[in-house]
Amino acid sequence: MEPLAHGLTPKKSFGQNFLIQRSAIEGITGAALASSATRILEIGPGPGVLTEPLLTGGRSLWAVDLDPEACELLTLRFGDRSHFHLIQGDAVTVPLPDGPPWAVVGNLPYNAATAILTRFLVDPIPWERMVLMFQLEVGQKLMGKPGEKAYGPLSILAQVASRMTRLMKLGPGAFRPAPKVDSVVLLFEPRADAPGIERRRELLSLLHRSFAHRRKTLANNWQSWLQADEIKTILESENLSASIRAEAIPPAQWLSILNKVSAVAPSSTSTHDPNNHSL
């Protein structure tokens, strides 16, 4: 039997596609509940098909949703449970309560998924694991390899900050309304050697500059903000060709490049706006 939306109508403006496939619901909630985190953060719960099983373990659950009607329904369904907490707001910017690391879970709204993920990668929000659903195309970018069309800033930032595992791929029939694209659920676990938050922000600024024009060489993308001799020094110290493009450089090497750029032009990596979560 399909899980019901409890009368909640999906809204295109909120990027809502409600998950109805039982096996997917069980797989996502099972992966989230396997976390050692003492509290759960659910993003975009909608009618609460993930919320209900997530609450069964007794851990405190904070649900964030922008849709006022969804918030009304969630309050009606779960408001009498002392470990359920609701935050109405935009998951990209809404303040979150301080405390120990989260287990983050969500069928992310398609129109805000990358911005939400970026927040959790570059803001000081503690998390022990994240189990998140994306459009398949976004998932491919996240797991992209050097030289692939999908590879870019999103791939690099996610891969230096976390270990990713693809848990499942879902077709349009797993949702109501059925989207026009496939979806993918990814598990994120923090890397022990991940750079600190400020360094990630600096890396993101560097990546935006380096991928500004994908078909241009790295040197050409840098020429408006670094001196020619600085560019030459950095590339040679990294054993990179003068004709290399940003898309050919693996994630780990970007951290080394960031160190070299910071040494020759300290102010050049400090342009990231912490309120800009665009990738």
Protein backbone atom coordinates (compact mmCIF):
# COMPACT_ATOMS: atom_id res chain seq x y z
CA MET A 1 0.00 0.00 0.00
CA GLU A 2 1.26 3.48 -0.86
CA PRO A 3 1.98 5.82 2.07
CA LEU A 4 -0.57 8.61 2.12
CA ALA A 5 0.15 12.32 1.94
CA HIS A 6 -2.54 12.82 4.62
CA GLY A 7 -4.28 15.36 2.45
CA LEU A 8 -1.18 17.44 1.77
CA THR A 9 -0.94 18.61 -1.83
CA PRO A 10 2.59 18.70 -3.30
CA LYS A 11 3.57 22.22 -4.35
CA LYS A 12 5.81 22.86 -7.33
CA SER A 13 6.97 26.15 -5.79
CA PHE A 14 8.53 24.20 -2.92
CA GLY A 15 10.01 21.53 -5.20
CA GLN A 16 7.93 18.85 -3.49
CA ASN A 17 7.75 15.27 -4.71
CA PHE A 18 6.52 13.00 -1.91
CA LEU A 19 8.20 9.64 -1.52
CA ILE A 20 5.76 6.71 -1.57
CA GLN A 21 7.96 3.63 -2.12
CA ARG A 22 8.02 1.57 1.08
CA SER A 23 11.39 -0.05 0.46
CA ALA A 24 12.97 3.36 -0.13
CA ILE A 25 11.41 4.76 3.06
CA GLU A 26 12.73 1.82 5.05
CA GLY A 27 16.19 2.04 3.47
CA ILE A 28 16.56 5.77 4.09
CA THR A 29 15.32 5.72 7.67
CA GLY A 30 17.35 2.60 8.45
CA ALA A 31 20.55 4.28 7.23
CA ALA A 32 19.79 7.39 9.29
CA LEU A 33 18.92 5.46 12.44
CA ALA A 34 22.17 3.48 12.15
CA SER A 35 23.95 6.69 13.10
CA SER A 36 25.47 7.06 16.55
CA ALA A 37 24.20 10.65 16.73
CA THR A 38 21.85 11.35 19.63
CA ARG A 39 19.57 13.64 17.64
CA ILE A 40 18.09 13.70 14.14
CA LEU A 41 17.55 16.58 11.74
CA GLU A 42 15.02 15.95 8.98
CA ILE A 43 14.91 18.37 6.07
CA GLY A 44 11.73 18.74 4.04
CA PRO A 45 9.56 16.17 5.84
CA GLY A 46 6.38 17.11 3.92
CA PRO A 47 3.59 14.78 5.11
CA GLY A 48 5.96 12.91 7.43
CA VAL A 49 6.50 9.55 5.70
CA LEU A 50 10.10 9.50 6.94
CA THR A 51 9.31 11.33 10.17
CA GLU A 52 7.07 8.61 11.55
CA PRO A 53 9.63 5.77 11.47
CA LEU A 54 12.44 8.14 12.48
CA LEU A 55 10.57 8.96 15.70
CA THR A 56 10.18 5.32 16.72
CA GLY A 57 13.66 5.08 18.21
CA GLY A 58 12.97 7.81 20.73
CA ARG A 59 15.77 10.16 19.65
CA SER A 60 15.02 13.88 19.53
CA LEU A 61 13.99 14.81 16.00
CA TRP A 62 13.99 18.33 14.61
CA ALA A 63 12.04 18.73 11.37
CA VAL A 64 12.62 21.74 9.09
CA ASP A 65 10.02 22.60 6.47
CA LEU A 66 9.21 25.79 4.58
CA ASP A 67 5.64 24.82 3.68
CA PRO A 68 3.11 26.20 6.22
CA GLU A 69 0.56 23.51 5.33
CA ALA A 70 3.13 20.76 5.85
CA CYS A 71 4.02 22.28 9.23
CA GLU A 72 0.36 22.27 10.24
CA LEU A 73 0.04 18.61 9.27
CA LEU A 74 3.26 17.63 11.05
CA THR A 75 2.10 19.39 14.21
CA LEU A 76 -1.23 17.57 14.00
CA ARG A 77 0.44 14.19 13.48
CA PHE A 78 3.42 14.42 15.82
CA GLY A 79 3.00 17.48 18.01
CA ASP A 80 2.05 15.40 21.06
CA ARG A 81 5.41 13.58 21.04
CA SER A 82 7.89 15.22 23.39
CA HIS A 83 10.92 14.34 21.24
CA PHE A 84 9.45 15.95 18.08
CA HIS A 85 10.43 19.55 17.35
CA LEU A 86 9.35 21.58 14.33
CA ILE A 87 11.14 24.50 12.67
CA GLN A 88 9.25 26.35 9.95
CA GLY A 89 11.74 27.97 7.63
CA ASP A 90 14.17 27.64 4.76
CA ALA A 91 16.74 24.91 5.42
CA VAL A 92 19.33 26.97 3.52
CA THR A 93 19.32 29.76 6.11
CA VAL A 94 17.12 28.94 9.13
CA PRO A 95 18.99 28.93 12.48
CA LEU A 96 19.47 25.45 13.93
CA PRO A 97 19.77 24.61 17.63
CA ASP A 98 23.26 24.12 19.03
CA GLY A 99 24.23 20.78 20.47
CA PRO A 100 25.89 17.46 19.63
CA PRO A 101 26.25 16.14 16.06
CA TRP A 102 23.16 15.41 13.98
CA ALA A 103 22.07 12.49 11.89
CA VAL A 104 20.74 14.48 8.93
CA VAL A 105 18.14 12.94 6.64
CA GLY A 106 15.92 14.27 3.91
CA ASN A 107 14.18 13.96 0.59
CA LEU A 108 15.56 17.35 -0.40
CA PRO A 109 13.45 19.76 -2.44
CA TYR A 110 14.95 19.64 -5.92
CA ASN A 111 15.10 23.43 -6.27
CA ALA A 112 17.24 23.90 -3.16
CA ALA A 113 19.16 20.63 -2.78
CA THR A 114 22.64 21.88 -3.71
CA ALA A 115 22.26 25.02 -1.60
CA ILE A 116 21.19 22.95 1.42
CA LEU A 117 24.08 20.53 1.00
CA THR A 118 26.57 23.37 0.60
CA ARG A 119 25.41 24.85 3.88
CA PHE A 120 26.20 21.62 5.70
CA LEU A 121 29.63 21.46 4.06
CA VAL A 122 30.79 25.05 4.70
CA ASP A 123 28.90 26.09 7.84
CA PRO A 124 29.87 24.99 11.38
CA ILE A 125 26.95 22.56 11.75
CA PRO A 126 28.04 19.29 13.39
CA TRP A 127 26.85 16.08 11.76
CA GLU A 128 27.79 12.45 12.17
CA ARG A 129 26.18 11.32 8.92
CA MET A 130 23.78 12.58 6.27
CA VAL A 131 21.36 10.48 4.24
CA LEU A 132 20.07 12.75 1.48
CA MET A 133 18.12 12.38 -1.75
CA PHE A 134 18.99 14.32 -4.89
CA GLN A 135 18.14 14.37 -8.55
CA LEU A 136 20.32 11.75 -10.22
CA GLU A 137 22.19 14.45 -12.15
CA VAL A 138 23.17 16.20 -8.91
CA GLY A 139 24.26 12.90 -7.40
CA GLN A 140 26.46 12.26 -10.43
CA LYS A 141 28.08 15.66 -9.96
CA LEU A 142 28.72 14.95 -6.30
CA MET A 143 30.46 11.69 -7.12
CA GLY A 144 32.09 12.94 -10.32
CA LYS A 145 35.69 12.00 -11.16
CA PRO A 146 38.40 14.20 -12.72
CA GLY A 147 37.93 14.52 -16.45
CA GLU A 148 34.21 13.73 -16.36
CA LYS A 149 31.66 16.28 -17.49
CA ALA A 150 29.92 16.07 -14.11
CA TYR A 151 33.12 16.88 -12.18
CA GLY A 152 33.31 20.37 -10.74
CA PRO A 153 33.28 22.49 -7.56
CA LEU A 154 30.42 20.47 -6.10
CA SER A 155 32.32 17.21 -6.59
CA ILE A 156 35.52 18.53 -5.07
CA LEU A 157 34.04 20.21 -2.01
CA ALA A 158 31.89 17.19 -1.15
CA GLN A 159 34.73 14.72 -1.68
CA VAL A 160 37.32 16.55 0.45
CA ALA A 161 34.79 16.96 3.27
CA SER A 162 33.10 13.55 3.23
CA ARG A 163 33.06 9.94 2.13
CA MET A 164 30.04 9.26 -0.05
CA THR A 165 28.20 6.02 -0.67
CA ARG A 166 25.37 5.58 -3.13
CA LEU A 167 22.58 3.78 -1.28
CA MET A 168 19.88 3.57 -3.93
CA LYS A 169 18.59 4.89 -7.22
CA LEU A 170 14.88 5.63 -7.53
CA GLY A 171 12.75 6.03 -10.62
CA PRO A 172 9.89 8.53 -11.01
CA GLY A 173 7.36 5.92 -9.84
CA ALA A 174 8.74 6.11 -6.30
CA PHE A 175 7.15 9.56 -5.89
CA ARG A 176 3.89 11.42 -6.14
CA PRO A 177 3.76 13.44 -8.25
CA ALA A 178 6.22 11.52 -10.40
CA PRO A 179 9.17 13.75 -11.34
CA LYS A 180 10.60 13.69 -14.86
CA VAL A 181 14.00 12.51 -13.64
CA ASP A 182 15.52 9.69 -11.62
CA SER A 183 16.71 10.29 -8.07
CA VAL A 184 19.55 8.96 -5.94
CA VAL A 185 20.09 8.60 -2.19
CA LEU A 186 23.61 9.25 -0.92
CA LEU A 187 25.20 8.58 2.46
CA PHE A 188 27.72 11.18 3.62
CA GLU A 189 30.19 10.46 6.41
CA PRO A 190 32.72 13.10 7.50
CA ARG A 191 36.34 12.49 6.55
CA ALA A 192 38.79 12.41 9.43
CA ASP A 193 41.23 14.47 7.33
CA ALA A 194 38.65 16.99 6.11
CA PRO A 195 39.82 20.62 6.11
CA GLY A 196 38.29 23.00 8.66
CA ILE A 197 35.25 25.11 7.87
CA GLU A 198 37.17 28.30 7.03
CA ARG A 199 39.50 26.37 4.75
CA ARG A 200 36.51 24.85 2.95
CA ARG A 201 35.12 28.32 2.33
CA GLU A 202 38.46 29.42 0.92
CA LEU A 203 38.54 26.30 -1.25
CA LEU A 204 35.07 27.03 -2.57
CA SER A 205 36.14 30.56 -3.57
CA LEU A 206 39.16 29.14 -5.36
CA LEU A 207 37.01 26.56 -7.15
CA HIS A 208 34.51 29.17 -8.32
CA ARG A 209 37.36 31.13 -9.90
CA SER A 210 39.06 28.07 -11.34
CA PHE A 211 35.89 26.67 -12.98
CA ALA A 212 34.49 30.06 -14.05
CA HIS A 213 35.01 29.05 -17.69
CA ARG A 214 35.33 25.28 -17.89
CA ARG A 215 36.92 25.18 -21.34
CA LYS A 216 39.60 27.68 -20.41
CA THR A 217 42.87 26.59 -18.87
CA LEU A 218 43.42 27.08 -15.17
CA ALA A 219 45.99 29.76 -15.97
CA ASN A 220 43.49 31.68 -18.09
CA ASN A 221 40.84 31.54 -15.37
CA TRP A 222 43.37 32.88 -12.87
CA GLN A 223 44.96 35.61 -14.96
CA SER A 224 42.60 38.39 -13.83
CA TRP A 225 43.51 37.99 -10.14
CA LEU A 226 46.99 36.41 -9.95
CA GLN A 227 50.20 37.63 -11.54
CA ALA A 228 51.67 35.61 -14.39
CA ASP A 229 54.77 34.72 -12.37
CA GLU A 230 52.59 33.59 -9.42
CA ILE A 231 50.55 31.33 -11.68
CA LYS A 232 53.71 29.88 -13.19
CA THR A 233 55.19 29.22 -9.74
CA ILE A 234 52.06 27.47 -8.46
CA LEU A 235 51.63 25.27 -11.52
CA GLU A 236 55.29 24.25 -11.57
CA SER A 237 55.32 23.47 -7.85
CA GLU A 238 52.32 21.18 -8.38
CA ASN A 239 53.85 19.57 -11.50
CA LEU A 240 50.92 20.81 -13.56
CA SER A 241 51.06 21.74 -17.22
CA ALA A 242 50.44 25.35 -18.20
CA SER A 243 47.60 24.06 -20.38
CA ILE A 244 45.79 22.07 -17.70
CA ARG A 245 42.11 22.70 -17.02
CA ALA A 246 40.51 22.72 -13.58
CA GLU A 247 38.42 19.65 -14.43
CA ALA A 248 41.54 17.47 -14.73
CA ILE A 249 42.80 18.04 -11.15
CA PRO A 250 41.81 15.52 -8.41
CA PRO A 251 40.18 16.71 -5.16
CA ALA A 252 43.14 16.16 -2.83
CA GLN A 253 45.45 18.20 -5.02
CA TRP A 254 43.10 21.18 -4.80
CA LEU A 255 43.92 21.47 -1.10
CA SER A 256 47.62 21.62 -1.97
CA ILE A 257 46.92 24.22 -4.65
CA LEU A 258 44.91 26.24 -2.13
CA ASN A 259 47.94 26.32 0.19
CA LYS A 260 50.15 27.61 -2.64
CA VAL A 261 47.63 30.25 -3.70
CA SER A 262 47.24 31.42 -0.11
CA ALA A 263 51.03 31.76 0.18
CA VAL A 264 51.42 34.00 -2.88
CA ALA A 265 48.11 35.87 -2.66
CA PRO A 266 46.62 35.57 0.86
CA SER A 267 43.61 37.77 0.10
CA SER A 268 42.64 35.86 -3.03
CA THR A 269 40.94 33.03 -1.16
CA SER A 270 38.96 35.12 1.31
CA THR A 271 36.14 36.17 -1.00
CA HIS A 272 33.55 33.54 -0.07
CA ASP A 273 30.30 35.00 1.20
CA PRO A 274 29.10 32.74 4.06
CA ASN A 275 25.51 33.58 3.10
CA ASN A 276 26.04 32.41 -0.46
CA HIS A 277 25.46 28.67 -0.61
CA SER A 278 25.51 28.40 -4.38
CA LEU A 279 27.56 25.72 -6.09
